[in-house]
PDB file of N, CA and C in Angstrom:
ATOM      1  N   MET A   1       0.736  -1.728   0.348  1.00  0.00           N
ATOM      2  CA  MET A   1       0.167   0.228   0.078  1.00  0.00           C
ATOM      3  C   MET A   1       0.680   0.868  -0.071  1.00  0.00           C
ATOM      4  N   PRO A   2       0.939   2.078  -0.828  1.00  0.00           N
ATOM      5  CA  PRO A   2       1.703   3.547  -0.977  1.00  0.00           C
ATOM      6  C   PRO A   2       1.025   3.763   0.191  1.00  0.00           C
ATOM      7  N   MET A   3       2.199   4.935   0.675  1.00  0.00           N
ATOM      8  CA  MET A   3       2.421   5.736   2.077  1.00  0.00           C
ATOM      9  C   MET A   3       1.176   6.745   1.663  1.00  0.00           C
ATOM     10  N   ARG A   4       0.676   7.303   2.098  1.00  0.00           N
ATOM     11  CA  ARG A   4      -0.105   8.695   1.637  1.00  0.00           C
ATOM     12  C   ARG A   4       0.905   9.948   2.771  1.00  0.00           C
ATOM     13  N   VAL A   5       0.613  11.140   1.941  1.00  0.00           N
ATOM     14  CA  VAL A   5       1.444  12.357   2.246  1.00  0.00           C
ATOM     15  C   VAL A   5       0.267  13.816   2.517  1.00  0.00           C
ATOM     16  N   SER A   6       0.441  13.761   3.415  1.00  0.00           N
ATOM     17  CA  SER A   6      -0.252  15.016   4.056  1.00  0.00           C
ATOM     18  C   SER A   6       0.110  16.451   3.260  1.00  0.00           C
ATOM     19  N   GLN A   7      -0.552  16.867   2.304  1.00  0.00           N
ATOM     20  CA  GLN A   7      -0.970  18.024   2.123  1.00  0.00           C
ATOM     21  C   GLN A   7      -0.698  19.365   2.372  1.00  0.00           C
ATOM     22  N   HIS A   8      -0.931  19.330   3.783  1.00  0.00           N
ATOM     23  CA  HIS A   8      -0.922  20.645   4.909  1.00  0.00           C
ATOM     24  C   HIS A   8      -0.470  20.474   5.907  1.00  0.00           C
ATOM     25  N   TYR A   9       0.241  20.992   6.337  1.00  0.00           N
ATOM     26  CA  TYR A   9       0.740  20.818   8.569  1.00  0.00           C
ATOM     27  C   TYR A   9       1.128  22.274   8.527  1.00  0.00           C
ATOM     28  N   TRP A  10       0.617  22.465   9.809  1.00  0.00           N
ATOM     29  CA  TRP A  10       1.127  23.154  10.853  1.00  0.00           C
ATOM     30  C   TRP A  10       1.921  23.042  11.457  1.00  0.00           C
ATOM     31  N   LEU A  11       2.700  23.825  12.414  1.00  0.00           N
ATOM     32  CA  LEU A  11       3.231  23.789  13.615  1.00  0.00           C
ATOM     33  C   LEU A  11       2.914  24.872  14.301  1.00  0.00           C
ATOM     34  N   VAL A  12       2.283  24.281  15.930  1.00  0.00           N
ATOM     35  CA  VAL A  12       2.156  25.775  16.022  1.00  0.00           C
ATOM     36  C   VAL A  12       2.594  25.519  17.584  1.00  0.00           C
ATOM     37  N   SER A  13       3.073  26.725  18.014  1.00  0.00           N
ATOM     38  CA  SER A  13       3.843  26.734  19.265  1.00  0.00           C
ATOM     39  C   SER A  13       2.726  27.332  20.317  1.00  0.00           C
ATOM     40  N   PHE A  14       3.022  26.962  21.525  1.00  0.00           N
ATOM     41  CA  PHE A  14       2.428  27.262  22.831  1.00  0.00           C
ATOM     42  C   PHE A  14       3.549  27.971  23.733  1.00  0.00           C
ATOM     43  N   ASP A  15       2.425  28.314  25.006  1.00  0.00           N
ATOM     44  CA  ASP A  15       3.258  29.228  26.121  1.00  0.00           C
ATOM     45  C   ASP A  15       2.218  28.874  27.124  1.00  0.00           C
ATOM     46  N   LYS A  16       2.140  29.754  28.284  1.00  0.00           N
ATOM     47  CA  LYS A  16       1.392  29.316  29.647  1.00  0.00           C
ATOM     48  C   LYS A  16      -0.160  29.045  29.188  1.00  0.00           C
ATOM     49  N   VAL A  17      -0.409  30.281  28.145  1.00  0.00           N
ATOM     50  CA  VAL A  17      -2.093  30.789  27.990  1.00  0.00           C
ATOM     51  C   VAL A  17      -2.737  30.297  27.278  1.00  0.00           C
ATOM     52  N   GLY A  18      -1.913  29.164  25.451  1.00  0.00           N
ATOM     53  CA  GLY A  18      -2.590  28.904  24.824  1.00  0.00           C
ATOM     54  C   GLY A  18      -1.881  28.865  23.486  1.00  0.00           C
ATOM     55  N   ALA A  19      -2.224  28.527  22.591  1.00  0.00           N
ATOM     56  CA  ALA A  19      -0.919  28.608  21.107  1.00  0.00           C
ATOM     57  C   ALA A  19      -0.375  30.402  20.897  1.00  0.00           C
ATOM     58  N   LEU A  20       0.517  30.483  20.474  1.00  0.00           N
ATOM     59  CA  LEU A  20       1.288  31.906  20.633  1.00  0.00           C
ATOM     60  C   LEU A  20       1.340  32.048  19.438  1.00  0.00           C
ATOM     61  N   THR A  21       2.120  31.200  18.155  1.00  0.00           N
ATOM     62  CA  THR A  21       1.762  31.318  16.611  1.00  0.00           C
ATOM     63  C   THR A  21       1.499  29.596  16.337  1.00  0.00           C
ATOM     64  N   ILE A  22       1.112  30.220  14.727  1.00  0.00           N
ATOM     65  CA  ILE A  22       0.778  28.870  13.844  1.00  0.00           C
ATOM     66  C   ILE A  22       1.582  29.231  12.486  1.00  0.00           C
ATOM     67  N   GLU A  23       1.982  28.712  11.947  1.00  0.00           N
ATOM     68  CA  GLU A  23       2.858  28.408  10.887  1.00  0.00           C
ATOM     69  C   GLU A  23       2.215  27.208  10.031  1.00  0.00           C
ATOM     70  N   ARG A  24       2.349  27.214   8.755  1.00  0.00           N
ATOM     71  CA  ARG A  24       1.112  26.622   8.169  1.00  0.00           C
ATOM     72  C   ARG A  24       2.587  26.933   6.159  1.00  0.00           C
ATOM     73  N   TYR A  25       2.220  25.327   6.154  1.00  0.00           N
ATOM     74  CA  TYR A  25       2.996  24.748   4.813  1.00  0.00           C
ATOM     75  C   TYR A  25       2.215  23.791   4.288  1.00  0.00           C
ATOM     76  N   ALA A  26       2.333  23.514   3.178  1.00  0.00           N
ATOM     77  CA  ALA A  26       1.357  23.042   1.784  1.00  0.00           C
ATOM     78  C   ALA A  26       2.781  22.757   1.013  1.00  0.00           C
ATOM     79  N   LEU A  27       1.798  21.419   0.435  1.00  0.00           N
ATOM     80  CA  LEU A  27       3.149  20.951  -0.133  1.00  0.00           C
ATOM     81  C   LEU A  27       3.017  21.702  -1.717  1.00  0.00           C
ATOM     82  N   SER A  28       4.335  21.656  -2.149  1.00  0.00           N
ATOM     83  CA  SER A  28       4.552  22.462  -3.479  1.00  0.00           C
ATOM     84  C   SER A  28       4.673  21.963  -4.767  1.00  0.00           C
ATOM     85  N   GLY A  29       3.188  21.086  -5.006  1.00  0.00           N
ATOM     86  CA  GLY A  29       3.593  20.133  -6.647  1.00  0.00           C
ATOM     87  C   GLY A  29       3.322  18.825  -6.150  1.00  0.00           C
ATOM     88  N   ARG A  30       3.479  17.465  -6.844  1.00  0.00           N
ATOM     89  CA  ARG A  30       2.867  16.757  -6.131  1.00  0.00           C
ATOM     90  C   ARG A  30       4.041  15.797  -5.475  1.00  0.00           C
ATOM     91  N   THR A  31       5.122  16.069  -6.078  1.00  0.00           N
ATOM     92  CA  THR A  31       6.429  15.788  -4.990  1.00  0.00           C
ATOM     93  C   THR A  31       7.555  16.568  -4.817  1.00  0.00           C
ATOM     94  N   GLY A  32       7.147  18.338  -4.617  1.00  0.00           N
ATOM     95  CA  GLY A  32       7.734  19.143  -4.360  1.00  0.00           C
ATOM     96  C   GLY A  32       7.699  19.088  -2.728  1.00  0.00           C
ATOM     97  N   PRO A  33       8.910  20.166  -2.430  1.00  0.00           N
ATOM     98  CA  PRO A  33       9.049  20.476  -1.030  1.00  0.00           C
ATOM     99  C   PRO A  33       7.802  21.049  -0.733  1.00  0.00           C
ATOM    100  N   TYR A  34       7.624  20.669   0.853  1.00  0.00           N
ATOM    101  CA  TYR A  34       6.984  21.977   1.524  1.00  0.00           C
ATOM    102  C   TYR A  34       7.228  23.619   1.506  1.00  0.00           C
ATOM    103  N   ALA A  35       6.035  24.161   1.340  1.00  0.00           N
ATOM    104  CA  ALA A  35       6.106  25.752   1.197  1.00  0.00           C
ATOM    105  C   ALA A  35       5.701  26.749   1.964  1.00  0.00           C
ATOM    106  N   HIS A  36       6.333  27.562   3.133  1.00  0.00           N
ATOM    107  CA  HIS A  36       5.699  28.461   3.917  1.00  0.00           C
ATOM    108  C   HIS A  36       4.513  28.966   3.927  1.00  0.00           C
ATOM    109  N   ILE A  37       3.166  29.351   3.777  1.00  0.00           N
ATOM    110  CA  ILE A  37       1.959  29.921   3.069  1.00  0.00           C
ATOM    111  C   ILE A  37       1.811  30.647   4.528  1.00  0.00           C
ATOM    112  N   GLY A  38       1.985  30.681   5.429  1.00  0.00           N
ATOM    113  CA  GLY A  38       1.600  31.790   6.409  1.00  0.00           C
ATOM    114  C   GLY A  38       1.835  31.400   7.885  1.00  0.00           C
ATOM    115  N   THR A  39       2.204  32.263   8.747  1.00  0.00           N
ATOM    116  CA  THR A  39       2.451  32.452  10.173  1.00  0.00           C
ATOM    117  C   THR A  39       1.626  33.534  10.636  1.00  0.00           C
ATOM    118  N   ALA A  40       0.478  33.126  11.474  1.00  0.00           N
ATOM    119  CA  ALA A  40      -0.039  34.142  12.501  1.00  0.00           C
ATOM    120  C   ALA A  40       0.866  34.649  13.905  1.00  0.00           C
ATOM    121  N   HIS A  41      -0.039  35.088  15.021  1.00  0.00           N
ATOM    122  CA  HIS A  41       0.900  35.366  15.658  1.00  0.00           C
ATOM    123  C   HIS A  41      -0.052  36.030  16.547  1.00  0.00           C
ATOM    124  N   ARG A  42      -0.493  35.588  18.163  1.00  0.00           N
ATOM    125  CA  ARG A  42      -1.559  36.165  18.986  1.00  0.00           C
ATOM    126  C   ARG A  42      -1.489  37.268  18.980  1.00  0.00           C
ATOM    127  N   ASP A  43      -0.698  38.214  19.053  1.00  0.00           N
ATOM    128  CA  ASP A  43      -0.454  39.593  18.826  1.00  0.00           C
ATOM    129  C   ASP A  43      -1.335  40.491  17.356  1.00  0.00           C
ATOM    130  N   MET A  44      -1.721  39.470  16.591  1.00  0.00           N
ATOM    131  CA  MET A  44      -1.897  40.377  15.457  1.00  0.00           C
ATOM    132  C   MET A  44      -3.264  40.513  15.493  1.00  0.00           C
ATOM    133  N   GLY A  45      -3.987  40.017  16.289  1.00  0.00           N
ATOM    134  CA  GLY A  45      -5.679  40.070  16.754  1.00  0.00           C
ATOM    135  C   GLY A  45      -6.338  38.793  16.892  1.00  0.00           C
ATOM    136  N   PRO A  46      -7.852  39.042  17.517  1.00  0.00           N
ATOM    137  CA  PRO A  46      -8.245  38.232  17.720  1.00  0.00           C
ATOM    138  C   PRO A  46      -8.358  36.458  16.922  1.00  0.00           C
ATOM    139  N   MET A  47      -8.123  36.475  15.632  1.00  0.00           N
ATOM    140  CA  MET A  47      -8.555  35.934  14.494  1.00  0.00           C
ATOM    141  C   MET A  47      -6.879  34.698  14.322  1.00  0.00           C
ATOM    142  N   ALA A  48      -6.848  33.498  14.985  1.00  0.00           N
ATOM    143  CA  ALA A  48      -6.165  32.702  14.646  1.00  0.00           C
ATOM    144  C   ALA A  48      -5.948  32.347  12.879  1.00  0.00           C
ATOM    145  N   VAL A  49      -6.365  31.689  12.803  1.00  0.00           N
ATOM    146  CA  VAL A  49      -6.618  30.803  11.385  1.00  0.00           C
ATOM    147  C   VAL A  49      -8.271  31.247  10.621  1.00  0.00           C
ATOM    148  N   SER A  50      -7.715  31.461   9.389  1.00  0.00           N
ATOM    149  CA  SER A  50      -9.509  31.688   8.650  1.00  0.00           C
ATOM    150  C   SER A  50      -8.455  30.788   7.243  1.00  0.00           C
ATOM    151  N   VAL A  51      -8.856  29.608   6.330  1.00  0.00           N
ATOM    152  CA  VAL A  51      -8.170  29.318   5.881  1.00  0.00           C
ATOM    153  C   VAL A  51      -9.999  28.980   4.737  1.00  0.00           C
ATOM    154  N   SER A  52      -9.630  28.305   3.642  1.00  0.00           N
ATOM    155  CA  SER A  52     -10.354  27.567   3.157  1.00  0.00           C
ATOM    156  C   SER A  52      -9.636  26.237   1.917  1.00  0.00           C
ATOM    157  N   ASP A  53      -8.592  26.231   2.063  1.00  0.00           N
ATOM    158  CA  ASP A  53      -8.079  25.184   1.656  1.00  0.00           C
ATOM    159  C   ASP A  53      -7.110  23.938   2.943  1.00  0.00           C
ATOM    160  N   PRO A  54      -7.412  22.834   2.694  1.00  0.00           N
ATOM    161  CA  PRO A  54      -7.887  22.235   2.373  1.00  0.00           C
ATOM    162  C   PRO A  54      -9.536  22.157   3.068  1.00  0.00           C
ATOM    163  N   PHE A  55     -10.086  22.565   3.497  1.00  0.00           N
ATOM    164  CA  PHE A  55     -11.506  23.122   4.056  1.00  0.00           C
ATOM    165  C   PHE A  55     -11.610  23.819   4.180  1.00  0.00           C
ATOM    166  N   PRO A  56     -13.353  24.597   4.874  1.00  0.00           N
ATOM    167  CA  PRO A  56     -13.245  26.318   5.345  1.00  0.00           C
ATOM    168  C   PRO A  56     -13.087  25.309   7.212  1.00  0.00           C
ATOM    169  N   LEU A  57     -12.614  26.503   7.335  1.00  0.00           N
ATOM    170  CA  LEU A  57     -11.680  26.522   9.316  1.00  0.00           C
ATOM    171  C   LEU A  57     -12.045  28.265   9.436  1.00  0.00           C
ATOM    172  N   GLU A  58     -12.064  28.508  10.675  1.00  0.00           N
ATOM    173  CA  GLU A  58     -11.680  29.792  11.546  1.00  0.00           C
ATOM    174  C   GLU A  58     -11.437  28.950  12.980  1.00  0.00           C
ATOM    175  N   LEU A  59     -10.398  29.643  13.187  1.00  0.00           N
ATOM    176  CA  LEU A  59      -9.936  29.544  14.686  1.00  0.00           C
ATOM    177  C   LEU A  59      -9.661  30.836  15.253  1.00  0.00           C
ATOM    178  N   LYS A  60     -10.150  31.237  16.620  1.00  0.00           N
ATOM    179  CA  LYS A  60      -9.636  32.353  17.495  1.00  0.00           C
ATOM    180  C   LYS A  60      -8.694  31.987  18.186  1.00  0.00           C
ATOM    181  N   TRP A  61      -7.933  33.192  19.114  1.00  0.00           N
ATOM    182  CA  TRP A  61      -7.264  32.302  19.114  1.00  0.00           C
ATOM    183  C   TRP A  61      -7.762  32.248  20.653  1.00  0.00           C
ATOM    184  N   ALA A  62      -8.681  32.838  21.234  1.00  0.00           N
ATOM    185  CA  ALA A  62      -9.214  31.971  22.234  1.00  0.00           C
ATOM    186  C   ALA A  62     -10.287  30.742  22.814  1.00  0.00           C
ATOM    187  N   ASP A  63     -10.201  29.654  21.393  1.00  0.00           N
ATOM    188  CA  ASP A  63     -10.402  28.918  21.418  1.00  0.00           C
ATOM    189  C   ASP A  63      -9.427  28.251  21.423  1.00  0.00           C
ATOM    190  N   LEU A  64      -8.395  28.018  21.331  1.00  0.00           N
ATOM    191  CA  LEU A  64      -6.889  27.554  21.460  1.00  0.00           C
ATOM    192  C   LEU A  64      -6.016  27.647  22.736  1.00  0.00           C
ATOM    193  N   GLU A  65      -6.772  28.718  23.692  1.00  0.00           N
ATOM    194  CA  GLU A  65      -6.249  28.963  25.271  1.00  0.00           C
ATOM    195  C   GLU A  65      -6.069  27.493  25.859  1.00  0.00           C
ATOM    196  N   VAL A  66      -5.267  27.190  27.079  1.00  0.00           N
ATOM    197  CA  VAL A  66      -4.900  25.658  27.765  1.00  0.00           C
ATOM    198  C   VAL A  66      -5.524  26.668  28.893  1.00  0.00           C
ATOM    199  N   VAL A  67      -5.406  27.920  28.865  1.00  0.00           N
ATOM    200  CA  VAL A  67      -5.654  28.666  30.770  1.00  0.00           C
ATOM    201  C   VAL A  67      -6.605  29.564  30.626  1.00  0.00           C
ATOM    202  N   PRO A  68      -8.208  29.734  30.287  1.00  0.00           N
ATOM    203  CA  PRO A  68      -8.800  30.715  29.653  1.00  0.00           C
ATOM    204  C   PRO A  68      -8.390  31.675  30.491  1.00  0.00           C
ATOM    205  N   GLN A  69      -8.090  33.402  30.219  1.00  0.00           N
ATOM    206  CA  GLN A  69      -7.782  34.417  30.366  1.00  0.00           C
ATOM    207  C   GLN A  69      -9.500  34.717  31.393  1.00  0.00           C
ATOM    208  N   GLN A  70      -8.683  35.464  31.901  1.00  0.00           N
ATOM    209  CA  GLN A  70      -9.791  36.006  33.532  1.00  0.00           C
ATOM    210  C   GLN A  70     -10.372  37.700  33.090  1.00  0.00           C
TER     211      GLN A  70
END
């Protein structure tokens, strides 16, 4: 059975509050390397991610908190 390769991946870094940065990568071509397609940082506003590929998804930084803010 052939190995399946993910078309997209994200690297998420966390601090004591929750997600701090999200780096998004996508496969460039069928066999090409992954290309960086965006980085979001918690200081950039309330919306962490709003994407439509590979499927529609919107996440707010508050959704990614491990310790809810008071």
